[in-house]
Structure formats: C-alpha cells, structure tokens
Amino acid sequence: MLITEDTTLSRPGQPVVTERAVEQQAAALMGENKYAFLLCSSTNIDRLAVFFAAAQKTGRLFVCDSYQKSVLDVVTRYGKERSPLYDFSRALTYGENLLPRMEEKGFCMPIRTGPWARSFAARFNPERSLLVYSMWEGYLERDPELKDFVESRTWTTLHASGHGLPQQIKAVCDVVQPRLGVIPIHTQAPERLAEAIAPFPAIPLPDETVYEL
C-alpha cells in the first residue's frame, strides 16, 4: 500500500515553480536588499538550502537561531554526502557578537513571528531590509497575527509549493509497485488520482475513515 499526497491534481494548469528558480530570485533579492529576513517552515530543508545557496552567491551571511541551527546540523550530518546543497556548515548561530559583521556584510536570516523578531528587525535600516514570505499565502488569511507581522514590514512572496506533479506521483508508483493500491492524502481532488496512476488502483477515502489491511 502506498500513501501519497495528491495536491497538484486539484490545480490543473497552475504554473510550476522550481526550487532552482526560487534560488535565482532569492539571489536577486539579496543583491537589492542588504538585510533579508526569511519566513518559512523551519523544516522546509530544500527552501532553506536554496536561500543558503543564494546567500553564499551574494556574499551575505546566513544567520539563524539555535533551534534552526540544530535542524541544519542534522541535515548537514546526513545530507552533505549526497548533495552540496545540504551542507549548512557555514550557517551561523545568532549572537550579539555577530551584529557588526551582519551590518557590514548583510545577511539572510530565517525568523519566526513574535515580539523578538519584530524588535530585532527594527534594528536594521528599513530601506535596505526585506521580509521574504516563503509559505502558502492562505496562511496569511487564516492567521491574523502572522498577517500583521508580515505586513508590518516591506515584504514580498517567493515560494514554490514543493508538491509532486501527477507524472512524478506516477513515477513513484512505478518504482514502489503498490499491489494493494494507493491512498491519496492532502488533496481536494482525490477522484482524479485513478487516471493519473493507472494501472495502479486508487483508494480515495473520506476523512476520518479507518482502512484495515
């Protein structure tokens, strides 16, 4: 049995943005804005990787808090042998001692919402600062605190969904060869899966359904 997300089947015709394209745009934004604050999931490793790469290309520091650094250290330990994109060894943990270098060289800094982030961002020239929102825009409407935090700064959206395309889901099925079937999750169009993965059987389930093997 294979369980797979099925998000893009409900978004036919929507343009696909790659992580490589995000990296190129991130580098351009860092070239134009000396201080870049990044708002994304702390476990969106590919997104963090392309922003880290963009910071390296533009000569900016990549600075994060101790929790984010601990996540990136795990990725570096197990991922750098597979791809240099997952080598975050040059990422820095924030401390007051870094402020002179941050002000001189510029930086990219993943942050979270909250009073500390607001006060810290206010320490840098707003005309040379940019908040990059790199998550689903629907969260802004669901979370008034998040929306207020984002709109309190000069900001832009730079995001790629990260969800697999139908042909990519089919490719996974071809490798896994699920004999019993494929259960779609995280989708608004589960009924479209059967055509995308044929001849493998699709098993769309209503929410809160128990499926016994």
N, C-alpha and C. Protein backbone atom coordinates (compact mmCIF):
# COMPACT_ATOMS: atom_id res chain seq x y z
N MET A 1 0.85 -1.19 0.00
CA MET A 1 0.00 0.00 0.00
C MET A 1 0.89 1.25 0.00
N LEU A 2 0.56 2.18 -0.87
CA LEU A 2 1.30 3.44 -0.94
C LEU A 2 0.36 4.57 -0.53
N ILE A 3 0.82 5.43 0.37
CA ILE A 3 0.09 6.64 0.73
C ILE A 3 0.86 7.82 0.16
N THR A 4 0.19 8.65 -0.63
CA THR A 4 0.88 9.76 -1.30
C THR A 4 0.04 11.02 -1.28
N GLU A 5 0.70 12.16 -1.18
CA GLU A 5 -0.04 13.41 -1.32
C GLU A 5 -0.48 13.57 -2.78
N ASP A 6 -1.52 14.38 -2.97
CA ASP A 6 -2.21 14.43 -4.25
C ASP A 6 -2.61 15.87 -4.56
N THR A 7 -1.80 16.81 -4.08
CA THR A 7 -2.21 18.21 -4.07
C THR A 7 -2.39 18.79 -5.47
N THR A 8 -1.44 18.54 -6.36
CA THR A 8 -1.45 19.23 -7.65
C THR A 8 -2.58 18.78 -8.57
N LEU A 9 -3.20 17.64 -8.28
CA LEU A 9 -4.31 17.19 -9.13
C LEU A 9 -5.51 18.13 -9.02
N SER A 10 -5.58 18.92 -7.97
CA SER A 10 -6.66 19.90 -7.84
C SER A 10 -6.26 21.26 -8.39
N ARG A 11 -5.07 21.34 -9.00
CA ARG A 11 -4.57 22.62 -9.53
C ARG A 11 -4.12 22.47 -10.99
N PRO A 12 -4.96 21.93 -11.85
CA PRO A 12 -4.53 21.73 -13.24
C PRO A 12 -4.20 23.05 -13.93
N GLY A 13 -3.09 23.05 -14.67
CA GLY A 13 -2.72 24.24 -15.41
C GLY A 13 -1.97 25.28 -14.61
N GLN A 14 -1.84 25.07 -13.30
CA GLN A 14 -1.11 26.05 -12.49
C GLN A 14 0.37 25.97 -12.78
N PRO A 15 1.04 27.12 -13.02
CA PRO A 15 2.48 27.07 -13.31
C PRO A 15 3.27 26.45 -12.17
N VAL A 16 4.31 25.71 -12.54
CA VAL A 16 5.16 25.05 -11.54
C VAL A 16 6.44 25.86 -11.36
N VAL A 17 6.72 26.25 -10.12
CA VAL A 17 7.93 26.99 -9.80
C VAL A 17 8.92 26.01 -9.16
N THR A 18 10.13 25.95 -9.68
CA THR A 18 11.12 25.02 -9.13
C THR A 18 11.93 25.69 -8.02
N GLU A 19 12.56 24.87 -7.20
CA GLU A 19 13.43 25.41 -6.16
C GLU A 19 14.62 26.16 -6.76
N ARG A 20 15.09 25.69 -7.92
CA ARG A 20 16.20 26.38 -8.57
C ARG A 20 15.79 27.80 -8.98
N ALA A 21 14.56 27.95 -9.45
CA ALA A 21 14.07 29.28 -9.80
C ALA A 21 13.96 30.16 -8.55
N VAL A 22 13.54 29.57 -7.43
CA VAL A 22 13.47 30.31 -6.18
C VAL A 22 14.86 30.79 -5.78
N GLU A 23 15.87 29.93 -5.94
CA GLU A 23 17.24 30.31 -5.60
C GLU A 23 17.70 31.52 -6.43
N GLN A 24 17.42 31.49 -7.72
CA GLN A 24 17.83 32.60 -8.59
C GLN A 24 17.15 33.90 -8.19
N GLN A 25 15.85 33.82 -7.88
CA GLN A 25 15.14 35.03 -7.47
C GLN A 25 15.59 35.50 -6.10
N ALA A 26 15.91 34.56 -5.21
CA ALA A 26 16.39 34.92 -3.88
C ALA A 26 17.72 35.66 -3.98
N ALA A 27 18.61 35.20 -4.85
CA ALA A 27 19.90 35.87 -5.04
C ALA A 27 19.69 37.29 -5.56
N ALA A 28 18.74 37.46 -6.46
CA ALA A 28 18.46 38.80 -6.98
C ALA A 28 17.93 39.71 -5.88
N LEU A 29 17.06 39.19 -5.03
CA LEU A 29 16.52 39.99 -3.93
C LEU A 29 17.60 40.37 -2.93
N MET A 30 18.52 39.44 -2.64
CA MET A 30 19.59 39.74 -1.71
C MET A 30 20.57 40.75 -2.29
N GLY A 31 20.70 40.74 -3.61
CA GLY A 31 21.55 41.74 -4.24
C GLY A 31 20.97 43.14 -4.12
N GLU A 32 19.64 43.21 -4.06
CA GLU A 32 18.96 44.50 -3.99
C GLU A 32 18.70 44.95 -2.55
N ASN A 33 18.68 44.00 -1.61
CA ASN A 33 18.36 44.30 -0.22
C ASN A 33 19.43 43.69 0.68
N LYS A 34 20.10 44.55 1.43
CA LYS A 34 21.24 44.08 2.21
C LYS A 34 20.81 43.14 3.34
N TYR A 35 19.64 43.38 3.91
CA TYR A 35 19.18 42.60 5.05
C TYR A 35 17.90 41.86 4.66
N ALA A 36 17.98 40.55 4.57
CA ALA A 36 16.84 39.73 4.14
C ALA A 36 16.40 38.83 5.29
N PHE A 37 15.13 38.94 5.65
CA PHE A 37 14.53 38.07 6.66
C PHE A 37 13.63 37.07 5.95
N LEU A 38 13.80 35.81 6.27
CA LEU A 38 13.09 34.73 5.59
C LEU A 38 12.07 34.11 6.52
N LEU A 39 10.82 34.07 6.07
CA LEU A 39 9.76 33.45 6.84
C LEU A 39 9.32 32.19 6.12
N CYS A 40 9.76 31.04 6.61
CA CYS A 40 9.37 29.75 6.04
C CYS A 40 9.41 28.70 7.14
N SER A 41 8.92 27.52 6.84
CA SER A 41 8.94 26.44 7.82
C SER A 41 10.39 26.10 8.18
N SER A 42 10.63 25.88 9.46
CA SER A 42 11.99 25.55 9.91
C SER A 42 12.41 24.16 9.47
N THR A 43 11.48 23.36 8.93
CA THR A 43 11.83 22.04 8.42
C THR A 43 11.67 21.94 6.91
N ASN A 44 11.48 23.07 6.23
CA ASN A 44 11.45 23.06 4.77
C ASN A 44 12.90 23.12 4.28
N ILE A 45 13.55 21.98 4.30
CA ILE A 45 15.00 21.92 4.10
C ILE A 45 15.40 22.40 2.71
N ASP A 46 14.65 22.01 1.69
CA ASP A 46 15.01 22.44 0.34
C ASP A 46 14.91 23.96 0.19
N ARG A 47 13.90 24.57 0.83
CA ARG A 47 13.77 26.02 0.76
C ARG A 47 14.92 26.71 1.47
N LEU A 48 15.25 26.21 2.64
CA LEU A 48 16.39 26.77 3.38
C LEU A 48 17.68 26.59 2.60
N ALA A 49 17.80 25.45 1.90
CA ALA A 49 19.01 25.18 1.14
C ALA A 49 19.20 26.18 0.01
N VAL A 50 18.12 26.52 -0.70
CA VAL A 50 18.30 27.43 -1.84
C VAL A 50 18.53 28.86 -1.36
N PHE A 51 17.95 29.24 -0.21
CA PHE A 51 18.24 30.57 0.33
C PHE A 51 19.66 30.63 0.87
N PHE A 52 20.12 29.54 1.47
CA PHE A 52 21.50 29.48 1.92
C PHE A 52 22.45 29.61 0.73
N ALA A 53 22.15 28.90 -0.36
CA ALA A 53 22.98 28.98 -1.56
C ALA A 53 22.98 30.40 -2.13
N ALA A 54 21.81 31.04 -2.12
CA ALA A 54 21.72 32.41 -2.63
C ALA A 54 22.54 33.37 -1.77
N ALA A 55 22.53 33.15 -0.45
CA ALA A 55 23.34 33.98 0.43
C ALA A 55 24.82 33.81 0.14
N GLN A 56 25.25 32.58 -0.09
CA GLN A 56 26.65 32.32 -0.43
C GLN A 56 27.05 33.02 -1.72
N LYS A 57 26.17 32.97 -2.71
CA LYS A 57 26.48 33.57 -4.00
C LYS A 57 26.59 35.09 -3.92
N THR A 58 25.82 35.69 -3.04
CA THR A 58 25.80 37.16 -2.95
C THR A 58 26.69 37.70 -1.85
N GLY A 59 27.43 36.82 -1.17
CA GLY A 59 28.34 37.27 -0.13
C GLY A 59 27.65 37.67 1.16
N ARG A 60 26.40 37.23 1.36
CA ARG A 60 25.67 37.55 2.58
C ARG A 60 25.89 36.45 3.63
N LEU A 61 25.86 36.81 4.88
CA LEU A 61 25.88 35.82 5.94
C LEU A 61 24.54 35.11 6.01
N PHE A 62 24.55 33.85 6.43
CA PHE A 62 23.31 33.13 6.69
C PHE A 62 23.28 32.87 8.18
N VAL A 63 22.36 33.53 8.87
CA VAL A 63 22.34 33.54 10.33
C VAL A 63 20.99 33.03 10.81
N CYS A 64 21.00 32.17 11.82
CA CYS A 64 19.73 31.64 12.34
C CYS A 64 19.82 31.45 13.84
N ASP A 65 18.70 31.16 14.47
CA ASP A 65 18.71 30.92 15.91
C ASP A 65 19.19 29.50 16.20
N SER A 66 19.34 29.20 17.47
CA SER A 66 19.95 27.92 17.86
C SER A 66 19.09 26.73 17.47
N TYR A 67 17.75 26.89 17.52
CA TYR A 67 16.90 25.76 17.13
C TYR A 67 17.06 25.46 15.64
N GLN A 68 16.98 26.51 14.82
CA GLN A 68 17.13 26.29 13.38
C GLN A 68 18.50 25.72 13.06
N LYS A 69 19.52 26.19 13.76
CA LYS A 69 20.88 25.67 13.51
C LYS A 69 20.96 24.19 13.87
N SER A 70 20.27 23.77 14.92
CA SER A 70 20.31 22.35 15.30
C SER A 70 19.67 21.48 14.22
N VAL A 71 18.61 21.99 13.58
CA VAL A 71 17.98 21.27 12.47
C VAL A 71 18.94 21.17 11.29
N LEU A 72 19.59 22.29 10.96
CA LEU A 72 20.50 22.30 9.83
C LEU A 72 21.75 21.45 10.09
N ASP A 73 22.16 21.35 11.34
CA ASP A 73 23.30 20.49 11.67
C ASP A 73 22.98 19.02 11.38
N VAL A 74 21.74 18.61 11.69
CA VAL A 74 21.34 17.23 11.40
C VAL A 74 21.33 16.99 9.89
N VAL A 75 20.80 17.96 9.14
CA VAL A 75 20.78 17.84 7.68
C VAL A 75 22.20 17.73 7.13
N THR A 76 23.08 18.57 7.64
CA THR A 76 24.47 18.55 7.18
C THR A 76 25.13 17.20 7.48
N ARG A 77 24.87 16.67 8.66
CA ARG A 77 25.49 15.41 9.07
C ARG A 77 25.12 14.27 8.13
N TYR A 78 23.84 14.24 7.72
CA TYR A 78 23.38 13.11 6.92
C TYR A 78 23.19 13.42 5.44
N GLY A 79 23.18 14.70 5.08
CA GLY A 79 22.85 15.04 3.71
C GLY A 79 23.99 15.54 2.83
N LYS A 80 25.05 16.07 3.44
CA LYS A 80 26.08 16.71 2.61
C LYS A 80 26.80 15.72 1.71
N GLU A 81 26.83 14.45 2.10
CA GLU A 81 27.48 13.45 1.25
C GLU A 81 26.67 13.18 -0.01
N ARG A 82 25.38 13.49 0.03
CA ARG A 82 24.50 13.26 -1.12
C ARG A 82 24.45 14.46 -2.05
N SER A 83 24.53 15.66 -1.47
CA SER A 83 24.48 16.87 -2.29
C SER A 83 25.09 18.02 -1.51
N PRO A 84 25.88 18.87 -2.19
CA PRO A 84 26.43 20.04 -1.51
C PRO A 84 25.35 21.03 -1.08
N LEU A 85 24.15 20.92 -1.65
CA LEU A 85 23.06 21.79 -1.24
C LEU A 85 22.70 21.59 0.22
N TYR A 86 22.99 20.40 0.76
CA TYR A 86 22.62 20.09 2.14
C TYR A 86 23.78 20.23 3.11
N ASP A 87 24.77 21.01 2.72
CA ASP A 87 25.91 21.30 3.60
C ASP A 87 25.73 22.72 4.16
N PHE A 88 25.21 22.80 5.38
CA PHE A 88 24.95 24.08 6.03
C PHE A 88 26.04 24.42 7.05
N SER A 89 27.23 23.87 6.86
CA SER A 89 28.27 24.03 7.87
C SER A 89 28.69 25.49 8.04
N ARG A 90 28.43 26.33 7.05
CA ARG A 90 28.82 27.74 7.15
C ARG A 90 27.69 28.62 7.67
N ALA A 91 26.56 28.00 8.03
CA ALA A 91 25.49 28.77 8.66
C ALA A 91 25.93 29.17 10.07
N LEU A 92 25.54 30.35 10.51
CA LEU A 92 25.97 30.89 11.79
C LEU A 92 24.80 30.95 12.77
N THR A 93 25.09 30.73 14.03
CA THR A 93 24.09 30.89 15.08
C THR A 93 24.14 32.32 15.60
N TYR A 94 22.99 32.96 15.66
CA TYR A 94 22.96 34.37 16.04
C TYR A 94 23.45 34.59 17.47
N GLY A 95 24.22 35.66 17.60
CA GLY A 95 24.64 36.18 18.90
C GLY A 95 24.95 37.65 18.71
N GLU A 96 24.90 38.42 19.79
CA GLU A 96 25.16 39.86 19.69
C GLU A 96 26.53 40.16 19.09
N ASN A 97 27.47 39.22 19.27
CA ASN A 97 28.81 39.42 18.74
C ASN A 97 28.83 39.46 17.21
N LEU A 98 27.78 38.92 16.57
CA LEU A 98 27.72 38.90 15.11
C LEU A 98 27.20 40.20 14.50
N LEU A 99 26.60 41.05 15.32
CA LEU A 99 25.94 42.23 14.77
C LEU A 99 26.84 43.09 13.89
N PRO A 100 28.08 43.38 14.29
CA PRO A 100 28.92 44.20 13.40
C PRO A 100 29.11 43.57 12.02
N ARG A 101 29.35 42.25 11.97
CA ARG A 101 29.52 41.57 10.68
C ARG A 101 28.22 41.56 9.89
N MET A 102 27.11 41.36 10.58
CA MET A 102 25.82 41.35 9.90
C MET A 102 25.51 42.70 9.27
N GLU A 103 25.81 43.76 10.00
CA GLU A 103 25.56 45.10 9.47
C GLU A 103 26.49 45.42 8.31
N GLU A 104 27.72 44.91 8.37
CA GLU A 104 28.70 45.21 7.32
C GLU A 104 28.44 44.40 6.05
N LYS A 105 28.25 43.09 6.20
CA LYS A 105 28.17 42.22 5.03
C LYS A 105 26.75 42.00 4.52
N GLY A 106 25.77 42.25 5.38
CA GLY A 106 24.41 41.90 5.02
C GLY A 106 24.16 40.43 5.33
N PHE A 107 22.91 40.03 5.31
CA PHE A 107 22.60 38.67 5.73
C PHE A 107 21.25 38.21 5.21
N CYS A 108 21.08 36.89 5.29
CA CYS A 108 19.76 36.26 5.16
C CYS A 108 19.52 35.55 6.48
N MET A 109 18.36 35.79 7.08
CA MET A 109 18.08 35.24 8.40
C MET A 109 16.67 34.66 8.47
N PRO A 110 16.55 33.33 8.61
CA PRO A 110 15.23 32.74 8.85
C PRO A 110 14.72 33.19 10.23
N ILE A 111 13.46 33.62 10.28
CA ILE A 111 12.89 34.08 11.54
C ILE A 111 11.51 33.48 11.72
N ARG A 112 10.97 33.62 12.92
CA ARG A 112 9.59 33.25 13.21
C ARG A 112 8.87 34.49 13.72
N THR A 113 7.55 34.44 13.72
CA THR A 113 6.79 35.57 14.21
C THR A 113 6.95 35.69 15.72
N GLY A 114 6.76 36.90 16.22
CA GLY A 114 6.85 37.11 17.66
C GLY A 114 7.50 38.44 17.98
N PRO A 115 7.40 38.88 19.23
CA PRO A 115 7.94 40.18 19.63
C PRO A 115 9.44 40.31 19.38
N TRP A 116 10.21 39.21 19.63
CA TRP A 116 11.66 39.33 19.44
C TRP A 116 11.99 39.63 17.99
N ALA A 117 11.34 38.93 17.06
CA ALA A 117 11.62 39.13 15.64
C ALA A 117 11.29 40.56 15.23
N ARG A 118 10.17 41.09 15.72
CA ARG A 118 9.80 42.46 15.40
C ARG A 118 10.86 43.45 15.88
N SER A 119 11.27 43.30 17.12
CA SER A 119 12.24 44.25 17.68
C SER A 119 13.61 44.09 17.02
N PHE A 120 13.98 42.85 16.70
CA PHE A 120 15.28 42.64 16.06
C PHE A 120 15.30 43.23 14.66
N ALA A 121 14.27 42.99 13.87
CA ALA A 121 14.22 43.51 12.51
C ALA A 121 14.25 45.04 12.50
N ALA A 122 13.68 45.64 13.54
CA ALA A 122 13.63 47.09 13.61
C ALA A 122 15.01 47.72 13.82
N ARG A 123 16.01 46.92 14.15
CA ARG A 123 17.36 47.44 14.39
C ARG A 123 18.09 47.74 13.08
N PHE A 124 17.53 47.30 11.95
CA PHE A 124 18.22 47.47 10.67
C PHE A 124 17.46 48.45 9.78
N ASN A 125 18.21 49.14 8.96
CA ASN A 125 17.65 50.17 8.07
C ASN A 125 16.48 49.58 7.27
N PRO A 126 15.25 50.08 7.47
CA PRO A 126 14.11 49.51 6.75
C PRO A 126 14.19 49.70 5.24
N GLU A 127 14.92 50.72 4.80
CA GLU A 127 15.05 50.95 3.36
C GLU A 127 15.98 49.95 2.69
N ARG A 128 16.74 49.22 3.50
CA ARG A 128 17.66 48.21 2.96
C ARG A 128 17.28 46.80 3.41
N SER A 129 16.07 46.68 3.98
CA SER A 129 15.62 45.41 4.53
C SER A 129 14.42 44.89 3.75
N LEU A 130 14.28 43.57 3.73
CA LEU A 130 13.14 42.94 3.07
C LEU A 130 12.77 41.67 3.80
N LEU A 131 11.48 41.49 4.03
CA LEU A 131 10.96 40.23 4.57
C LEU A 131 10.47 39.40 3.40
N VAL A 132 10.99 38.19 3.28
CA VAL A 132 10.57 37.27 2.20
C VAL A 132 9.65 36.23 2.81
N TYR A 133 8.40 36.25 2.36
CA TYR A 133 7.41 35.27 2.83
C TYR A 133 7.45 34.09 1.88
N SER A 134 7.81 32.92 2.41
CA SER A 134 8.01 31.74 1.56
C SER A 134 7.18 30.57 2.09
N MET A 135 5.88 30.78 2.14
CA MET A 135 4.92 29.76 2.53
C MET A 135 3.65 29.96 1.72
N TRP A 136 2.71 29.05 1.88
CA TRP A 136 1.41 29.17 1.23
C TRP A 136 0.73 30.46 1.68
N GLU A 137 0.24 31.26 0.73
CA GLU A 137 -0.34 32.55 1.08
C GLU A 137 -1.64 32.41 1.85
N GLY A 138 -2.29 31.25 1.77
CA GLY A 138 -3.52 31.05 2.52
C GLY A 138 -3.34 31.16 4.02
N TYR A 139 -2.12 30.91 4.51
CA TYR A 139 -1.87 31.03 5.94
C TYR A 139 -2.08 32.47 6.42
N LEU A 140 -1.84 33.43 5.55
CA LEU A 140 -1.99 34.83 5.93
C LEU A 140 -3.43 35.17 6.27
N GLU A 141 -4.36 34.55 5.56
CA GLU A 141 -5.77 34.81 5.83
C GLU A 141 -6.26 34.02 7.04
N ARG A 142 -5.63 32.89 7.31
CA ARG A 142 -6.04 32.06 8.45
C ARG A 142 -5.49 32.57 9.77
N ASP A 143 -4.37 33.29 9.73
CA ASP A 143 -3.67 33.67 10.95
C ASP A 143 -3.47 35.18 10.99
N PRO A 144 -4.36 35.90 11.68
CA PRO A 144 -4.25 37.37 11.73
C PRO A 144 -2.93 37.85 12.32
N GLU A 145 -2.39 37.13 13.30
CA GLU A 145 -1.11 37.53 13.89
C GLU A 145 0.01 37.44 12.87
N LEU A 146 0.00 36.36 12.09
CA LEU A 146 1.00 36.20 11.04
C LEU A 146 0.87 37.30 10.00
N LYS A 147 -0.35 37.59 9.58
CA LYS A 147 -0.59 38.63 8.58
C LYS A 147 -0.12 39.98 9.08
N ASP A 148 -0.42 40.29 10.33
CA ASP A 148 0.00 41.57 10.90
C ASP A 148 1.52 41.66 10.96
N PHE A 149 2.17 40.56 11.33
CA PHE A 149 3.64 40.54 11.39
C PHE A 149 4.24 40.80 10.01
N VAL A 150 3.74 40.10 8.99
CA VAL A 150 4.28 40.23 7.64
C VAL A 150 4.06 41.65 7.11
N GLU A 151 2.85 42.16 7.28
CA GLU A 151 2.52 43.46 6.69
C GLU A 151 3.09 44.63 7.46
N SER A 152 3.74 44.36 8.60
CA SER A 152 4.40 45.43 9.34
C SER A 152 5.75 45.79 8.74
N ARG A 153 6.21 44.99 7.76
CA ARG A 153 7.50 45.20 7.12
C ARG A 153 7.32 45.35 5.61
N THR A 154 8.35 45.82 4.93
CA THR A 154 8.40 45.72 3.48
C THR A 154 8.62 44.25 3.15
N TRP A 155 7.73 43.68 2.34
CA TRP A 155 7.79 42.24 2.15
C TRP A 155 7.43 41.85 0.73
N THR A 156 7.81 40.63 0.38
CA THR A 156 7.46 40.05 -0.91
C THR A 156 7.25 38.55 -0.72
N THR A 157 6.56 37.95 -1.66
CA THR A 157 6.35 36.50 -1.64
C THR A 157 7.28 35.83 -2.63
N LEU A 158 7.95 34.78 -2.18
CA LEU A 158 8.80 33.97 -3.05
C LEU A 158 8.65 32.53 -2.58
N HIS A 159 7.92 31.73 -3.36
CA HIS A 159 7.52 30.42 -2.87
C HIS A 159 7.42 29.42 -4.01
N ALA A 160 7.68 28.16 -3.71
CA ALA A 160 7.38 27.03 -4.60
C ALA A 160 6.65 26.01 -3.75
N SER A 161 5.61 25.41 -4.30
CA SER A 161 4.75 24.56 -3.47
C SER A 161 5.48 23.33 -2.95
N GLY A 162 6.38 22.77 -3.74
CA GLY A 162 7.06 21.55 -3.32
C GLY A 162 6.24 20.29 -3.50
N HIS A 163 5.03 20.41 -4.02
CA HIS A 163 4.17 19.24 -4.20
C HIS A 163 4.47 18.55 -5.52
N GLY A 164 4.37 17.22 -5.50
CA GLY A 164 4.69 16.44 -6.68
C GLY A 164 3.66 16.61 -7.79
N LEU A 165 4.14 16.62 -9.02
CA LEU A 165 3.25 16.66 -10.18
C LEU A 165 2.67 15.27 -10.43
N PRO A 166 1.54 15.18 -11.14
CA PRO A 166 0.94 13.87 -11.40
C PRO A 166 1.92 12.86 -12.00
N GLN A 167 2.75 13.30 -12.95
CA GLN A 167 3.70 12.36 -13.56
C GLN A 167 4.77 11.92 -12.57
N GLN A 168 5.07 12.76 -11.58
CA GLN A 168 6.04 12.37 -10.56
C GLN A 168 5.43 11.36 -9.59
N ILE A 169 4.15 11.54 -9.25
CA ILE A 169 3.46 10.57 -8.40
C ILE A 169 3.40 9.22 -9.12
N LYS A 170 3.12 9.26 -10.42
CA LYS A 170 3.09 8.02 -11.20
C LYS A 170 4.46 7.35 -11.21
N ALA A 171 5.53 8.15 -11.29
CA ALA A 171 6.88 7.60 -11.29
C ALA A 171 7.17 6.89 -9.97
N VAL A 172 6.69 7.45 -8.86
CA VAL A 172 6.85 6.80 -7.55
C VAL A 172 6.11 5.46 -7.55
N CYS A 173 4.91 5.46 -8.10
CA CYS A 173 4.15 4.21 -8.17
C CYS A 173 4.90 3.16 -8.99
N ASP A 174 5.50 3.59 -10.07
CA ASP A 174 6.24 2.65 -10.93
C ASP A 174 7.40 2.01 -10.18
N VAL A 175 8.01 2.77 -9.27
CA VAL A 175 9.14 2.24 -8.51
C VAL A 175 8.65 1.35 -7.36
N VAL A 176 7.63 1.81 -6.64
CA VAL A 176 7.16 1.10 -5.45
C VAL A 176 6.33 -0.12 -5.81
N GLN A 177 5.58 -0.02 -6.93
CA GLN A 177 4.71 -1.13 -7.36
C GLN A 177 3.73 -1.55 -6.25
N PRO A 178 2.88 -0.63 -5.79
CA PRO A 178 1.94 -0.98 -4.71
C PRO A 178 0.89 -1.98 -5.20
N ARG A 179 0.88 -3.16 -4.63
CA ARG A 179 -0.04 -4.21 -5.08
C ARG A 179 -1.47 -3.96 -4.60
N LEU A 180 -1.61 -3.42 -3.38
CA LEU A 180 -2.95 -3.25 -2.82
C LEU A 180 -3.63 -1.96 -3.28
N GLY A 181 -2.84 -0.94 -3.54
CA GLY A 181 -3.44 0.30 -4.01
C GLY A 181 -2.72 1.52 -3.49
N VAL A 182 -3.26 2.69 -3.84
CA VAL A 182 -2.65 3.98 -3.49
C VAL A 182 -3.72 4.84 -2.82
N ILE A 183 -3.44 5.31 -1.61
CA ILE A 183 -4.36 6.16 -0.87
C ILE A 183 -3.88 7.61 -0.98
N PRO A 184 -4.70 8.51 -1.52
CA PRO A 184 -4.29 9.92 -1.61
C PRO A 184 -4.61 10.68 -0.33
N ILE A 185 -3.70 11.56 0.08
CA ILE A 185 -3.93 12.47 1.20
C ILE A 185 -3.58 13.88 0.75
N HIS A 186 -3.92 14.88 1.58
CA HIS A 186 -3.58 16.28 1.28
C HIS A 186 -4.05 16.63 -0.12
N THR A 187 -5.36 16.51 -0.36
CA THR A 187 -5.87 16.74 -1.71
C THR A 187 -7.30 17.24 -1.65
N GLN A 188 -7.67 17.99 -2.68
CA GLN A 188 -9.06 18.41 -2.86
C GLN A 188 -9.69 17.71 -4.05
N ALA A 189 -8.93 16.84 -4.71
CA ALA A 189 -9.44 16.13 -5.88
C ALA A 189 -8.99 14.68 -5.87
N PRO A 190 -9.33 13.91 -4.83
CA PRO A 190 -8.87 12.51 -4.76
C PRO A 190 -9.38 11.65 -5.90
N GLU A 191 -10.52 12.05 -6.48
CA GLU A 191 -11.10 11.25 -7.55
C GLU A 191 -10.27 11.29 -8.83
N ARG A 192 -9.35 12.24 -8.94
CA ARG A 192 -8.53 12.36 -10.15
C ARG A 192 -7.30 11.46 -10.11
N LEU A 193 -7.04 10.85 -8.98
CA LEU A 193 -5.81 10.07 -8.85
C LEU A 193 -5.83 8.82 -9.73
N ALA A 194 -6.97 8.17 -9.86
CA ALA A 194 -7.04 6.89 -10.58
C ALA A 194 -6.51 7.02 -12.00
N GLU A 195 -6.89 8.07 -12.70
CA GLU A 195 -6.43 8.25 -14.07
C GLU A 195 -4.93 8.53 -14.11
N ALA A 196 -4.44 9.30 -13.12
CA ALA A 196 -3.03 9.70 -13.12
C ALA A 196 -2.08 8.54 -12.88
N ILE A 197 -2.53 7.53 -12.10
CA ILE A 197 -1.61 6.46 -11.72
C ILE A 197 -1.93 5.11 -12.37
N ALA A 198 -2.92 5.07 -13.25
CA ALA A 198 -3.29 3.80 -13.90
C ALA A 198 -2.04 3.11 -14.46
N PRO A 199 -1.95 1.77 -14.29
CA PRO A 199 -2.99 0.81 -13.89
C PRO A 199 -3.06 0.51 -12.40
N PHE A 200 -2.36 1.27 -11.56
CA PHE A 200 -2.41 1.01 -10.12
C PHE A 200 -3.75 1.47 -9.56
N PRO A 201 -4.35 0.70 -8.65
CA PRO A 201 -5.66 1.06 -8.12
C PRO A 201 -5.58 2.20 -7.10
N ALA A 202 -6.44 3.20 -7.27
CA ALA A 202 -6.53 4.31 -6.32
C ALA A 202 -7.62 4.00 -5.30
N ILE A 203 -7.37 4.37 -4.04
CA ILE A 203 -8.33 4.13 -2.97
C ILE A 203 -8.59 5.44 -2.23
N PRO A 204 -9.41 6.33 -2.81
CA PRO A 204 -9.72 7.58 -2.10
C PRO A 204 -10.62 7.30 -0.91
N LEU A 205 -10.27 7.86 0.25
CA LEU A 205 -11.02 7.62 1.48
C LEU A 205 -11.58 8.92 2.03
N PRO A 206 -12.82 8.90 2.52
CA PRO A 206 -13.34 10.09 3.21
C PRO A 206 -12.53 10.36 4.48
N ASP A 207 -12.54 11.61 4.93
CA ASP A 207 -11.84 11.96 6.16
C ASP A 207 -12.33 11.10 7.32
N GLU A 208 -11.41 10.80 8.23
CA GLU A 208 -11.69 10.05 9.45
C GLU A 208 -12.12 8.61 9.19
N THR A 209 -11.79 8.11 7.99
CA THR A 209 -12.09 6.72 7.68
C THR A 209 -10.95 5.81 8.14
N VAL A 210 -11.29 4.68 8.71
CA VAL A 210 -10.29 3.67 9.09
C VAL A 210 -10.23 2.63 7.97
N TYR A 211 -9.04 2.39 7.47
CA TYR A 211 -8.86 1.38 6.41
C TYR A 211 -8.02 0.25 7.00
N GLU A 212 -8.58 -0.94 7.04
CA GLU A 212 -7.88 -2.07 7.64
C GLU A 212 -7.25 -2.96 6.56
N LEU A 213 -5.98 -3.29 6.75
CA LEU A 213 -5.28 -4.16 5.82
C LEU A 213 -5.45 -5.61 6.28
